[in-house]
Protein backbone atom coordinates (compact mmCIF):
# COMPACT_ATOMS: atom_id res chain seq x y z
CA MET A 1 0.01 0.10 0.07
CA ASP A 2 2.89 2.40 -0.98
CA GLY A 3 4.02 2.10 2.34
CA ILE A 4 1.24 3.69 4.30
CA GLU A 5 -0.23 1.76 7.23
CA VAL A 6 -4.12 1.19 7.28
CA LEU A 7 -5.43 3.26 10.05
CA PRO A 8 -8.81 1.11 10.92
CA GLY A 9 -11.61 3.58 11.20
CA SER A 10 -9.92 5.94 8.50
CA LEU A 11 -11.84 6.36 5.16
CA GLY A 12 -11.41 3.38 2.73
CA THR A 13 -11.75 0.59 5.57
CA SER A 14 -14.32 -1.61 6.77
CA THR A 15 -14.64 -0.15 10.60
CA SER A 16 -15.36 3.08 8.67
CA LEU A 17 -17.78 1.66 6.96
CA SER A 18 -19.46 0.84 10.77
CA LEU A 19 -19.45 3.38 12.02
CA ARG A 20 -20.64 5.43 8.87
CA LEU A 21 -23.62 2.86 8.76
CA GLY A 22 -24.10 3.77 12.72
CA GLN A 23 -24.18 6.93 12.34
CA ILE A 24 -27.22 6.84 9.45
CA ILE A 25 -28.82 4.33 11.82
CA PHE A 26 -28.87 6.59 15.25
CA SER A 27 -29.09 9.42 12.95
CA SER A 28 -32.54 8.56 11.32
CA ALA A 29 -33.48 7.08 14.75
CA SER A 30 -33.33 10.26 16.40
CA LEU A 31 -34.57 12.37 13.52
CA LEU A 32 -38.10 9.50 13.42
CA PHE A 33 -38.29 9.80 17.28
CA MET A 34 -38.27 13.31 17.23
CA SER A 35 -40.51 14.06 14.14
CA LEU A 36 -43.00 11.45 14.37
CA GLY A 37 -46.00 12.26 16.20
CA VAL A 38 -44.32 15.12 18.31
CA GLU A 39 -44.75 18.85 18.10
CA PHE A 40 -41.00 19.25 17.87
CA TYR A 41 -41.48 22.65 16.38
CA ASN A 42 -42.76 24.73 19.62
CA TYR A 43 -38.60 24.34 21.09
CA THR A 44 -35.90 26.28 18.97
CA ALA A 45 -33.32 23.27 20.14
CA PHE A 46 -35.59 20.43 19.00
CA CYS A 47 -35.85 22.25 16.10
CA PHE A 48 -32.13 22.32 15.49
CA LEU A 49 -31.79 18.36 16.49
CA VAL A 50 -33.64 17.60 13.38
CA THR A 51 -32.12 20.19 10.79
CA THR A 52 -28.52 18.63 12.32
CA MET A 53 -29.39 15.14 12.48
CA GLY A 54 -30.76 15.70 8.56
CA LEU A 55 -27.24 17.23 7.04
CA VAL A 56 -25.60 14.06 9.47
CA ILE A 57 -27.62 11.37 7.18
CA PRO A 58 -26.97 12.31 3.97
CA TRP A 59 -23.00 13.00 4.72
CA SER A 60 -22.89 9.61 6.50
CA PHE A 61 -24.89 7.96 4.10
CA THR A 62 -22.40 9.21 1.42
CA LEU A 63 -19.25 8.60 2.80
CA ALA A 64 -20.54 4.81 3.58
CA MET A 65 -20.12 4.98 -0.38
CA VAL A 66 -16.66 6.38 -0.62
CA ASP A 67 -16.03 3.43 1.95
CA GLY A 68 -18.02 0.36 0.37
CA PHE A 69 -16.53 1.08 -2.80
CA SER A 70 -13.17 1.30 -1.49
CA ILE A 71 -13.68 -2.06 0.63
CA PHE A 72 -14.91 -3.69 -2.68
CA ALA A 73 -12.57 -2.21 -5.18
CA GLY A 74 -9.65 -3.54 -2.70
CA CYS A 75 -7.87 -0.11 -2.67
CA PRO A 76 -7.93 2.25 0.47
CA PHE A 77 -9.11 6.25 0.43
CA ARG A 78 -5.81 7.94 0.04
CA HIS A 79 -5.98 11.56 -1.98
CA SER A 80 -5.46 13.92 1.18
CA GLY A 81 -7.01 16.86 -0.37
CA ILE A 82 -10.69 15.24 -0.33
CA LEU A 83 -9.40 13.63 3.17
CA LEU A 84 -9.25 16.98 3.94
CA ILE A 85 -12.41 17.68 3.07
CA VAL A 86 -13.41 14.67 4.89
CA VAL A 87 -12.32 15.59 8.17
CA ILE A 88 -13.32 19.37 7.97
CA GLY A 89 -16.96 18.11 7.49
CA ASP A 90 -16.69 15.83 9.73
CA TRP A 91 -15.92 18.21 12.53
CA VAL A 92 -18.22 20.55 11.80
CA LEU A 93 -21.28 18.21 11.34
CA SER A 94 -19.61 16.48 14.51
CA ILE A 95 -19.88 19.71 16.83
CA LEU A 96 -23.40 20.20 15.63
CA THR A 97 -24.62 17.30 16.54
CA LEU A 98 -23.36 17.78 20.10
CA ALA A 99 -24.59 21.10 20.17
CA ALA A 100 -27.93 19.88 19.23
CA ALA A 101 -27.91 16.91 21.16
CA CYS A 102 -26.61 19.30 24.40
CA ALA A 103 -29.08 21.80 24.08
CA SER A 104 -32.23 19.61 23.39
CA THR A 105 -31.09 17.38 26.33
CA GLY A 106 -31.21 20.98 28.27
CA VAL A 107 -34.64 21.68 27.35
CA ILE A 108 -35.46 18.41 28.43
CA ASN A 109 -34.35 18.98 31.29
CA PHE A 110 -35.96 22.06 31.64
CA LEU A 111 -39.57 20.86 30.91
CA LEU A 112 -39.82 17.67 32.94
CA THR A 113 -38.91 20.35 36.46
CA ILE A 114 -41.71 22.09 35.47
CA ASP A 115 -43.75 19.55 37.45
CA GLY A 116 -44.58 18.23 33.55
CA LEU A 117 -47.17 21.53 32.72
CA HIS A 118 -45.40 21.46 29.36
CA CYS A 119 -44.20 17.72 28.40
CA VAL A 120 -46.92 15.29 27.89
CA PRO A 121 -44.94 11.93 29.27
CA LYS A 122 -44.97 10.37 25.77
CA PHE A 123 -43.59 13.07 24.20
CA CYS A 124 -40.89 13.76 26.75
CA CYS A 125 -40.09 9.83 26.24
CA ARG A 126 -39.83 10.43 22.97
CA TYR A 127 -37.63 13.34 23.39
CA GLU A 128 -34.94 11.80 25.73
CA LEU A 129 -34.78 8.71 22.83
CA SER A 130 -34.09 11.83 20.16
CA THR A 131 -31.53 12.98 22.80
CA ALA A 132 -29.81 9.66 23.47
CA MET A 133 -29.92 8.47 19.23
CA ALA A 134 -28.70 11.97 18.96
CA PHE A 135 -25.51 11.52 21.83
CA MET A 136 -24.61 8.27 20.06
CA ALA A 137 -24.07 9.42 16.46
CA TRP A 138 -22.44 11.81 17.44
CA PHE A 139 -19.94 9.86 19.36
CA LEU A 140 -19.36 7.79 16.09
CA SER A 141 -19.29 10.84 13.66
CA ALA A 142 -16.76 12.29 16.51
CA ALA A 143 -14.50 8.51 16.47
CA SER A 144 -14.75 8.54 12.56
CA SER A 145 -13.36 12.55 12.51
CA LEU A 146 -10.70 11.70 14.75
CA PHE A 147 -9.25 8.76 13.09
CA ASN A 148 -9.27 10.21 9.57
CA LEU A 149 -7.41 13.38 10.93
CA TRP A 150 -5.23 10.68 12.80
CA LEU A 151 -3.91 9.26 8.97
CA LEU A 152 -4.11 12.80 7.53
CA PRO A 153 -0.40 13.91 9.00
CA SER A 154 0.96 10.44 6.54
CA LEU A 155 -0.71 11.29 3.61
CA SER A 156 0.96 14.90 3.27
């Protein structure tokens, strides 16, 4: 492989593919829990979470396709310019996902501390599940971005 060792989790590996698929699954679950049958649009933090999850899904799906192609073609992805774009995109979406999940957690905590007057138990449970899924998506996104960031200097 041209003297460059393959780092598990970096773009074009099976570990990266599994991280991307996990991001897609958790982001989709977060989006579904938040938007199906729940009036999330009354709270800005929840709108931010839905928007962020809506951005993470196509980003992760596209990179999962790149990973899949690299695996089936048998050649790991080693173009430093494109990897830099992937690292920046991962970091931006990772920070947005963490911010949205934390903001949603704050709103949920507030809704639960005001004696449940503004939060029907069914809705609060779905809000909590959506936020938990967003945190899981963030964890996988942060892992992906760290693996690719670690690989980036060796390609220069």
